[in-house]
Structure formats: C-alpha cells, structure tokens
Amino acid sequence: MSGSTEWILASGSPRRRELLKQLTPEFVVISPNVPEWEPDEADPFHQVEENATRKGRVVAEEHPEALVIAADTTVALGNRLFAKPGSKEEAVSMLQALSGRQHMVVTGMALFLNGKMHCFHDSSIVTFRELSAEAIDRYLSLVHVYDKAGAYGIQEQGDIIIEQYQGSFENIMGLPVQRLRVELVQLGWVDLSTIDN
C-alpha cells in the first residue's frame, strides 16, 4: 500500500479517534448511520465482527480505494451481552450485574481496501470491584456512559469500579491498536515504515 492511500475511521467514537492516532496522524472520520445488529444467540465474537462489517461496508462502498477501519465493542457476562445503556436505570442495572464479577470485553474489527475485506476480533478480561449503590451513583455522576458498552469506560475513573484487567487496555477502550498494526502489516496493506516511529 502506498503512503498516499487515505485512511478512514468508520466510527464517531472519540476514544477510537485518539487510539488510531498511535498508528497514523492523518485520517478521515466518517460515522455511518448503521443500526446495531443483535443476534438471537449470545455470541459476542460474531456480533462485533458483523456490526463492524456493516459499518465499514457502508463507508467502503463510497470510498473503495481508501483503507477503511471499522470497529464494534461489546461486554459479555456469561451469556449476556451488554451494549450501550439507553437510560440511567439501564446503566445502573448493567453496573450492578458486573459488580464483583469477571467479564469479557470483545472488539470486532473490519478492514476494507480495494474491494477486499478482513475481519478479526480481540478480547480482554475485566474484573469489577464490589460496587455499592453509592459507588455506582458516584461513577455515573462523573462519567458519561451512554456511548459506552457495559456503561463504563476503563480510561475514565476506572479505579472506582475496576479491580484488575488482563489483555489489551486499548481493546477495552474500543480499538486494539497493537493487534490492528499487526494485522495491517501481515495483510501487506500498510508500509511498515509509515507506522513505525
């Protein structure tokens, strides 16, 4: 891939925007209006890859010669998948369910370039502290959670709710940049020198 190829992030997430800057300083942001797909079965890997694919495909069809990067993240607690909360009551319910328990955060990625597509996912494990009603209320007063799967962001006041995590911190934020770099290089879609500082 030549250095002149345009990069497009198919996401309106400010966190993904900041994370992608670790790989390239210049890219365009296009946030497609695509409904979230929720399967009947609780398969987080299928769900996030499918949602990322749907988002990315819309943008790639309009910009076939650009490198389009799309992502989708979910929180999986056993057979329950948590998307973004639609209300404070739903956010409280999610945090109560995650309290004192271990869950998985899965991010699906879909990459498009010149009519080709590549999907993958990354997962991390997060363990929550035991959360009192006061701790939940405090967290929700400090953090805007309505754009975050599972009603939390590890990078914002995470010490209040998170005991520990395993795996990629960036994946929990919504964009596993180290894995993304590896995938792009292995595909031959980027010149290694353009993303190595």
C-alpha atoms as a PDB file:
ATOM      1  CA  MET A   1       0.000   0.000   0.000  1.00  0.00           C
ATOM      2  CA  SER A   2       1.382   3.380  -0.913  1.00  0.00           C
ATOM      3  CA  GLY A   3       1.790   6.158   1.586  1.00  0.00           C
ATOM      4  CA  SER A   4      -0.788   8.192  -0.316  1.00  0.00           C
ATOM      5  CA  THR A   5      -3.678   5.848   0.466  1.00  0.00           C
ATOM      6  CA  GLU A   6      -6.324   7.593   2.526  1.00  0.00           C
ATOM      7  CA  TRP A   7      -7.201   6.110   5.915  1.00  0.00           C
ATOM      8  CA  ILE A   8     -10.840   6.336   7.043  1.00  0.00           C
ATOM      9  CA  LEU A   9     -12.068   5.534  10.541  1.00  0.00           C
ATOM     10  CA  ALA A  10     -15.688   4.422  10.228  1.00  0.00           C
ATOM     11  CA  SER A  11     -16.602   5.426  13.770  1.00  0.00           C
ATOM     12  CA  GLY A  12     -17.687   8.540  15.608  1.00  0.00           C
ATOM     13  CA  SER A  13     -16.038   7.405  18.850  1.00  0.00           C
ATOM     14  CA  PRO A  14     -13.596   9.997  20.214  1.00  0.00           C
ATOM     15  CA  ARG A  15     -11.715   7.198  22.009  1.00  0.00           C
ATOM     16  CA  ARG A  16     -11.139   5.275  18.773  1.00  0.00           C
ATOM     17  CA  ARG A  17     -10.018   8.504  17.137  1.00  0.00           C
ATOM     18  CA  GLU A  18      -7.352   9.079  19.799  1.00  0.00           C
ATOM     19  CA  LEU A  19      -6.195   5.465  19.663  1.00  0.00           C
ATOM     20  CA  LEU A  20      -5.851   5.391  15.869  1.00  0.00           C
ATOM     21  CA  LYS A  21      -3.502   8.373  16.108  1.00  0.00           C
ATOM     22  CA  GLN A  22      -0.995   5.901  17.570  1.00  0.00           C
ATOM     23  CA  LEU A  23      -0.749   4.377  14.082  1.00  0.00           C
ATOM     24  CA  THR A  24      -1.241   7.347  11.782  1.00  0.00           C
ATOM     25  CA  PRO A  25      -1.547  11.090  12.361  1.00  0.00           C
ATOM     26  CA  GLU A  26      -3.753  11.647   9.333  1.00  0.00           C
ATOM     27  CA  PHE A  27      -7.102  10.019   8.712  1.00  0.00           C
ATOM     28  CA  VAL A  28     -10.683  10.954   7.925  1.00  0.00           C
ATOM     29  CA  VAL A  29     -13.562  10.172  10.280  1.00  0.00           C
ATOM     30  CA  ILE A  30     -16.876   9.048   8.768  1.00  0.00           C
ATOM     31  CA  SER A  31     -19.540   7.817  11.182  1.00  0.00           C
ATOM     32  CA  PRO A  32     -22.031   5.622   9.284  1.00  0.00           C
ATOM     33  CA  ASN A  33     -25.621   5.510  10.463  1.00  0.00           C
ATOM     34  CA  VAL A  34     -25.994   1.742  10.721  1.00  0.00           C
ATOM     35  CA  PRO A  35     -28.393   0.030  13.166  1.00  0.00           C
ATOM     36  CA  GLU A  36     -26.738  -2.263  15.712  1.00  0.00           C
ATOM     37  CA  TRP A  37     -27.282  -5.933  14.906  1.00  0.00           C
ATOM     38  CA  GLU A  38     -28.108  -8.124  17.895  1.00  0.00           C
ATOM     39  CA  PRO A  39     -28.180 -11.871  17.201  1.00  0.00           C
ATOM     40  CA  ASP A  40     -30.575 -14.275  18.875  1.00  0.00           C
ATOM     41  CA  GLU A  41     -27.681 -16.276  20.286  1.00  0.00           C
ATOM     42  CA  ALA A  42     -25.172 -14.746  22.708  1.00  0.00           C
ATOM     43  CA  ASP A  43     -22.080 -14.935  20.514  1.00  0.00           C
ATOM     44  CA  PRO A  44     -20.027 -11.788  21.181  1.00  0.00           C
ATOM     45  CA  PHE A  45     -17.396 -12.615  18.554  1.00  0.00           C
ATOM     46  CA  HIS A  46     -19.953 -12.985  15.752  1.00  0.00           C
ATOM     47  CA  GLN A  47     -21.876  -9.915  16.881  1.00  0.00           C
ATOM     48  CA  VAL A  48     -18.954  -7.489  16.983  1.00  0.00           C
ATOM     49  CA  GLU A  49     -17.441  -8.684  13.706  1.00  0.00           C
ATOM     50  CA  GLU A  50     -20.820  -8.459  11.970  1.00  0.00           C
ATOM     51  CA  ASN A  51     -21.512  -4.972  13.331  1.00  0.00           C
ATOM     52  CA  ALA A  52     -18.030  -3.779  12.376  1.00  0.00           C
ATOM     53  CA  THR A  53     -18.501  -5.239   8.889  1.00  0.00           C
ATOM     54  CA  ARG A  54     -21.852  -3.499   8.420  1.00  0.00           C
ATOM     55  CA  LYS A  55     -20.401  -0.150   9.497  1.00  0.00           C
ATOM     56  CA  GLY A  56     -17.292  -0.474   7.375  1.00  0.00           C
ATOM     57  CA  ARG A  57     -19.017  -1.737   4.252  1.00  0.00           C
ATOM     58  CA  VAL A  58     -21.226   1.360   4.030  1.00  0.00           C
ATOM     59  CA  VAL A  59     -18.146   3.604   4.038  1.00  0.00           C
ATOM     60  CA  ALA A  60     -16.020   1.326   1.819  1.00  0.00           C
ATOM     61  CA  GLU A  61     -18.664   1.310  -0.912  1.00  0.00           C
ATOM     62  CA  GLU A  62     -18.329   5.093  -1.146  1.00  0.00           C
ATOM     63  CA  HIS A  63     -14.524   5.092  -0.782  1.00  0.00           C
ATOM     64  CA  PRO A  64     -13.275   1.842  -2.381  1.00  0.00           C
ATOM     65  CA  GLU A  65      -9.645   2.957  -2.723  1.00  0.00           C
ATOM     66  CA  ALA A  66      -9.308   4.058   0.902  1.00  0.00           C
ATOM     67  CA  LEU A  67      -8.269   1.918   3.854  1.00  0.00           C
ATOM     68  CA  VAL A  68     -11.488   1.780   5.887  1.00  0.00           C
ATOM     69  CA  ILE A  69     -11.254   0.740   9.538  1.00  0.00           C
ATOM     70  CA  ALA A  70     -14.448  -0.139  11.416  1.00  0.00           C
ATOM     71  CA  ALA A  71     -14.914  -1.457  14.938  1.00  0.00           C
ATOM     72  CA  ASP A  72     -17.605  -2.607  17.348  1.00  0.00           C
ATOM     73  CA  THR A  73     -17.252  -3.440  21.047  1.00  0.00           C
ATOM     74  CA  THR A  74     -19.441  -5.404  23.428  1.00  0.00           C
ATOM     75  CA  VAL A  75     -19.259  -6.505  27.053  1.00  0.00           C
ATOM     76  CA  ALA A  76     -20.012 -10.194  27.662  1.00  0.00           C
ATOM     77  CA  LEU A  77     -21.021 -11.508  31.069  1.00  0.00           C
ATOM     78  CA  GLY A  78     -21.658 -15.192  30.570  1.00  0.00           C
ATOM     79  CA  ASN A  79     -24.500 -15.397  28.048  1.00  0.00           C
ATOM     80  CA  ARG A  80     -25.458 -11.738  28.489  1.00  0.00           C
ATOM     81  CA  LEU A  81     -24.154  -9.164  26.038  1.00  0.00           C
ATOM     82  CA  PHE A  82     -24.193  -5.529  27.131  1.00  0.00           C
ATOM     83  CA  ALA A  83     -24.380  -2.790  24.517  1.00  0.00           C
ATOM     84  CA  LYS A  84     -24.678   0.923  25.316  1.00  0.00           C
ATOM     85  CA  PRO A  85     -27.225   1.806  28.012  1.00  0.00           C
ATOM     86  CA  GLY A  86     -30.258   3.755  26.901  1.00  0.00           C
ATOM     87  CA  SER A  87     -31.025   5.284  30.288  1.00  0.00           C
ATOM     88  CA  LYS A  88     -29.583   5.828  33.753  1.00  0.00           C
ATOM     89  CA  GLU A  89     -31.696   2.956  35.050  1.00  0.00           C
ATOM     90  CA  GLU A  90     -30.225   0.650  32.428  1.00  0.00           C
ATOM     91  CA  ALA A  91     -26.702   1.860  33.240  1.00  0.00           C
ATOM     92  CA  VAL A  92     -27.252   1.177  36.950  1.00  0.00           C
ATOM     93  CA  SER A  93     -28.582  -2.293  36.134  1.00  0.00           C
ATOM     94  CA  MET A  94     -25.522  -3.081  33.994  1.00  0.00           C
ATOM     95  CA  LEU A  95     -23.047  -1.941  36.655  1.00  0.00           C
ATOM     96  CA  GLN A  96     -24.926  -3.891  39.336  1.00  0.00           C
ATOM     97  CA  ALA A  97     -24.723  -7.024  37.168  1.00  0.00           C
ATOM     98  CA  LEU A  98     -20.966  -6.554  36.593  1.00  0.00           C
ATOM     99  CA  SER A  99     -20.240  -5.745  40.259  1.00  0.00           C
ATOM    100  CA  GLY A 100     -17.755  -8.137  41.857  1.00  0.00           C
ATOM    101  CA  ARG A 101     -17.580 -10.302  38.754  1.00  0.00           C
ATOM    102  CA  GLN A 102     -15.280 -11.019  35.842  1.00  0.00           C
ATOM    103  CA  HIS A 103     -16.418 -10.289  32.296  1.00  0.00           C
ATOM    104  CA  MET A 104     -15.022 -10.187  28.778  1.00  0.00           C
ATOM    105  CA  VAL A 105     -14.691  -7.160  26.517  1.00  0.00           C
ATOM    106  CA  VAL A 106     -14.651  -8.050  22.823  1.00  0.00           C
ATOM    107  CA  THR A 107     -13.867  -5.677  19.963  1.00  0.00           C
ATOM    108  CA  GLY A 108     -14.505  -6.741  16.390  1.00  0.00           C
ATOM    109  CA  MET A 109     -12.596  -5.096  13.555  1.00  0.00           C
ATOM    110  CA  ALA A 110     -13.416  -4.962   9.842  1.00  0.00           C
ATOM    111  CA  LEU A 111     -10.833  -3.625   7.387  1.00  0.00           C
ATOM    112  CA  PHE A 112     -11.570  -2.755   3.765  1.00  0.00           C
ATOM    113  CA  LEU A 113      -9.266  -1.825   0.868  1.00  0.00           C
ATOM    114  CA  ASN A 114      -9.721  -2.058  -2.912  1.00  0.00           C
ATOM    115  CA  GLY A 115     -12.659  -4.441  -2.727  1.00  0.00           C
ATOM    116  CA  LYS A 116     -11.026  -6.693  -0.140  1.00  0.00           C
ATOM    117  CA  MET A 117     -12.212  -7.223   3.429  1.00  0.00           C
ATOM    118  CA  HIS A 118     -10.544  -8.661   6.517  1.00  0.00           C
ATOM    119  CA  CYS A 119     -12.160  -9.263   9.920  1.00  0.00           C
ATOM    120  CA  PHE A 120     -10.755 -10.179  13.325  1.00  0.00           C
ATOM    121  CA  HIS A 121     -11.529  -9.671  16.987  1.00  0.00           C
ATOM    122  CA  ASP A 122      -9.611  -9.134  20.201  1.00  0.00           C
ATOM    123  CA  SER A 123     -10.744  -9.850  23.750  1.00  0.00           C
ATOM    124  CA  SER A 124      -9.732  -8.779  27.239  1.00  0.00           C
ATOM    125  CA  ILE A 125     -10.860  -9.805  30.716  1.00  0.00           C
ATOM    126  CA  VAL A 126     -12.018  -7.217  33.267  1.00  0.00           C
ATOM    127  CA  THR A 127     -12.746  -7.832  36.956  1.00  0.00           C
ATOM    128  CA  PHE A 128     -15.018  -5.352  38.718  1.00  0.00           C
ATOM    129  CA  ARG A 129     -14.830  -4.343  42.349  1.00  0.00           C
ATOM    130  CA  GLU A 130     -17.831  -4.982  44.577  1.00  0.00           C
ATOM    131  CA  LEU A 131     -19.845  -1.848  43.899  1.00  0.00           C
ATOM    132  CA  SER A 132     -22.125  -0.237  46.428  1.00  0.00           C
ATOM    133  CA  ALA A 133     -25.100   1.824  45.301  1.00  0.00           C
ATOM    134  CA  GLU A 134     -23.111   4.902  46.356  1.00  0.00           C
ATOM    135  CA  ALA A 135     -20.111   3.885  44.226  1.00  0.00           C
ATOM    136  CA  ILE A 136     -22.331   3.335  41.189  1.00  0.00           C
ATOM    137  CA  ASP A 137     -24.045   6.672  41.697  1.00  0.00           C
ATOM    138  CA  ARG A 138     -20.688   8.409  42.083  1.00  0.00           C
ATOM    139  CA  TYR A 139     -19.324   6.792  38.930  1.00  0.00           C
ATOM    140  CA  LEU A 140     -22.370   7.754  36.886  1.00  0.00           C
ATOM    141  CA  SER A 141     -22.131  11.334  38.149  1.00  0.00           C
ATOM    142  CA  LEU A 142     -18.533  11.572  36.925  1.00  0.00           C
ATOM    143  CA  VAL A 143     -18.612   9.667  33.628  1.00  0.00           C
ATOM    144  CA  HIS A 144     -20.860   9.951  30.569  1.00  0.00           C
ATOM    145  CA  VAL A 145     -21.630   6.276  29.974  1.00  0.00           C
ATOM    146  CA  TYR A 146     -24.337   6.352  27.312  1.00  0.00           C
ATOM    147  CA  ASP A 147     -21.862   5.898  24.459  1.00  0.00           C
ATOM    148  CA  LYS A 148     -20.031   3.027  26.181  1.00  0.00           C
ATOM    149  CA  ALA A 149     -20.775  -0.695  26.028  1.00  0.00           C
ATOM    150  CA  GLY A 150     -21.467  -2.033  29.500  1.00  0.00           C
ATOM    151  CA  ALA A 151     -21.987   1.506  30.870  1.00  0.00           C
ATOM    152  CA  TYR A 152     -18.341   2.146  31.667  1.00  0.00           C
ATOM    153  CA  GLY A 153     -15.013   3.259  30.254  1.00  0.00           C
ATOM    154  CA  ILE A 154     -11.800   1.873  31.714  1.00  0.00           C
ATOM    155  CA  GLN A 155      -9.973   5.099  30.917  1.00  0.00           C
ATOM    156  CA  GLU A 156     -12.395   7.305  32.862  1.00  0.00           C
ATOM    157  CA  GLN A 157     -12.455   6.977  36.662  1.00  0.00           C
ATOM    158  CA  GLY A 158     -11.685   3.287  36.215  1.00  0.00           C
ATOM    159  CA  ASP A 159     -10.258   2.959  39.722  1.00  0.00           C
ATOM    160  CA  ILE A 160     -13.744   3.414  41.160  1.00  0.00           C
ATOM    161  CA  ILE A 161     -15.129   0.294  39.521  1.00  0.00           C
ATOM    162  CA  ILE A 162     -12.288  -1.897  38.190  1.00  0.00           C
ATOM    163  CA  GLU A 163     -10.166  -4.209  40.304  1.00  0.00           C
ATOM    164  CA  GLN A 164      -7.951  -5.571  37.514  1.00  0.00           C
ATOM    165  CA  TYR A 165      -7.815  -6.479  33.842  1.00  0.00           C
ATOM    166  CA  GLN A 166      -5.977  -8.890  31.559  1.00  0.00           C
ATOM    167  CA  GLY A 167      -5.179  -8.241  27.921  1.00  0.00           C
ATOM    168  CA  SER A 168      -5.142  -5.080  25.869  1.00  0.00           C
ATOM    169  CA  PHE A 169      -6.143  -1.857  27.652  1.00  0.00           C
ATOM    170  CA  GLU A 170      -6.795  -0.272  24.247  1.00  0.00           C
ATOM    171  CA  ASN A 171      -9.101  -3.140  23.301  1.00  0.00           C
ATOM    172  CA  ILE A 172     -11.202  -2.412  26.391  1.00  0.00           C
ATOM    173  CA  MET A 173     -11.339   1.214  25.238  1.00  0.00           C
ATOM    174  CA  GLY A 174     -12.632   0.059  21.846  1.00  0.00           C
ATOM    175  CA  LEU A 175      -9.696  -0.213  19.414  1.00  0.00           C
ATOM    176  CA  PRO A 176      -6.923  -2.819  19.867  1.00  0.00           C
ATOM    177  CA  VAL A 177      -4.227  -0.768  18.140  1.00  0.00           C
ATOM    178  CA  GLN A 178      -1.336  -3.214  18.625  1.00  0.00           C
ATOM    179  CA  ARG A 179      -3.337  -6.054  17.077  1.00  0.00           C
ATOM    180  CA  LEU A 180      -4.583  -3.725  14.322  1.00  0.00           C
ATOM    181  CA  ARG A 181      -0.996  -2.813  13.443  1.00  0.00           C
ATOM    182  CA  VAL A 182      -0.001  -6.484  13.198  1.00  0.00           C
ATOM    183  CA  GLU A 183      -2.990  -7.355  11.020  1.00  0.00           C
ATOM    184  CA  LEU A 184      -2.393  -4.438   8.617  1.00  0.00           C
ATOM    185  CA  VAL A 185       1.282  -5.317   8.217  1.00  0.00           C
ATOM    186  CA  GLN A 186       0.587  -9.030   7.704  1.00  0.00           C
ATOM    187  CA  LEU A 187      -2.003  -8.178   5.059  1.00  0.00           C
ATOM    188  CA  GLY A 188       0.558  -6.002   3.296  1.00  0.00           C
ATOM    189  CA  TRP A 189      -1.901  -3.130   3.361  1.00  0.00           C
ATOM    190  CA  VAL A 190       0.498  -0.729   5.040  1.00  0.00           C
ATOM    191  CA  ASP A 191       4.164   0.035   4.654  1.00  0.00           C
ATOM    192  CA  LEU A 192       5.799  -0.845   7.976  1.00  0.00           C
ATOM    193  CA  SER A 193       7.896   2.328   7.864  1.00  0.00           C
ATOM    194  CA  THR A 194       4.794   4.529   7.776  1.00  0.00           C
ATOM    195  CA  ILE A 195       3.510   3.322  11.158  1.00  0.00           C
ATOM    196  CA  ASP A 196       6.797   2.748  12.978  1.00  0.00           C
ATOM    197  CA  ASN A 197       8.103   5.810  14.750  1.00  0.00           C
END
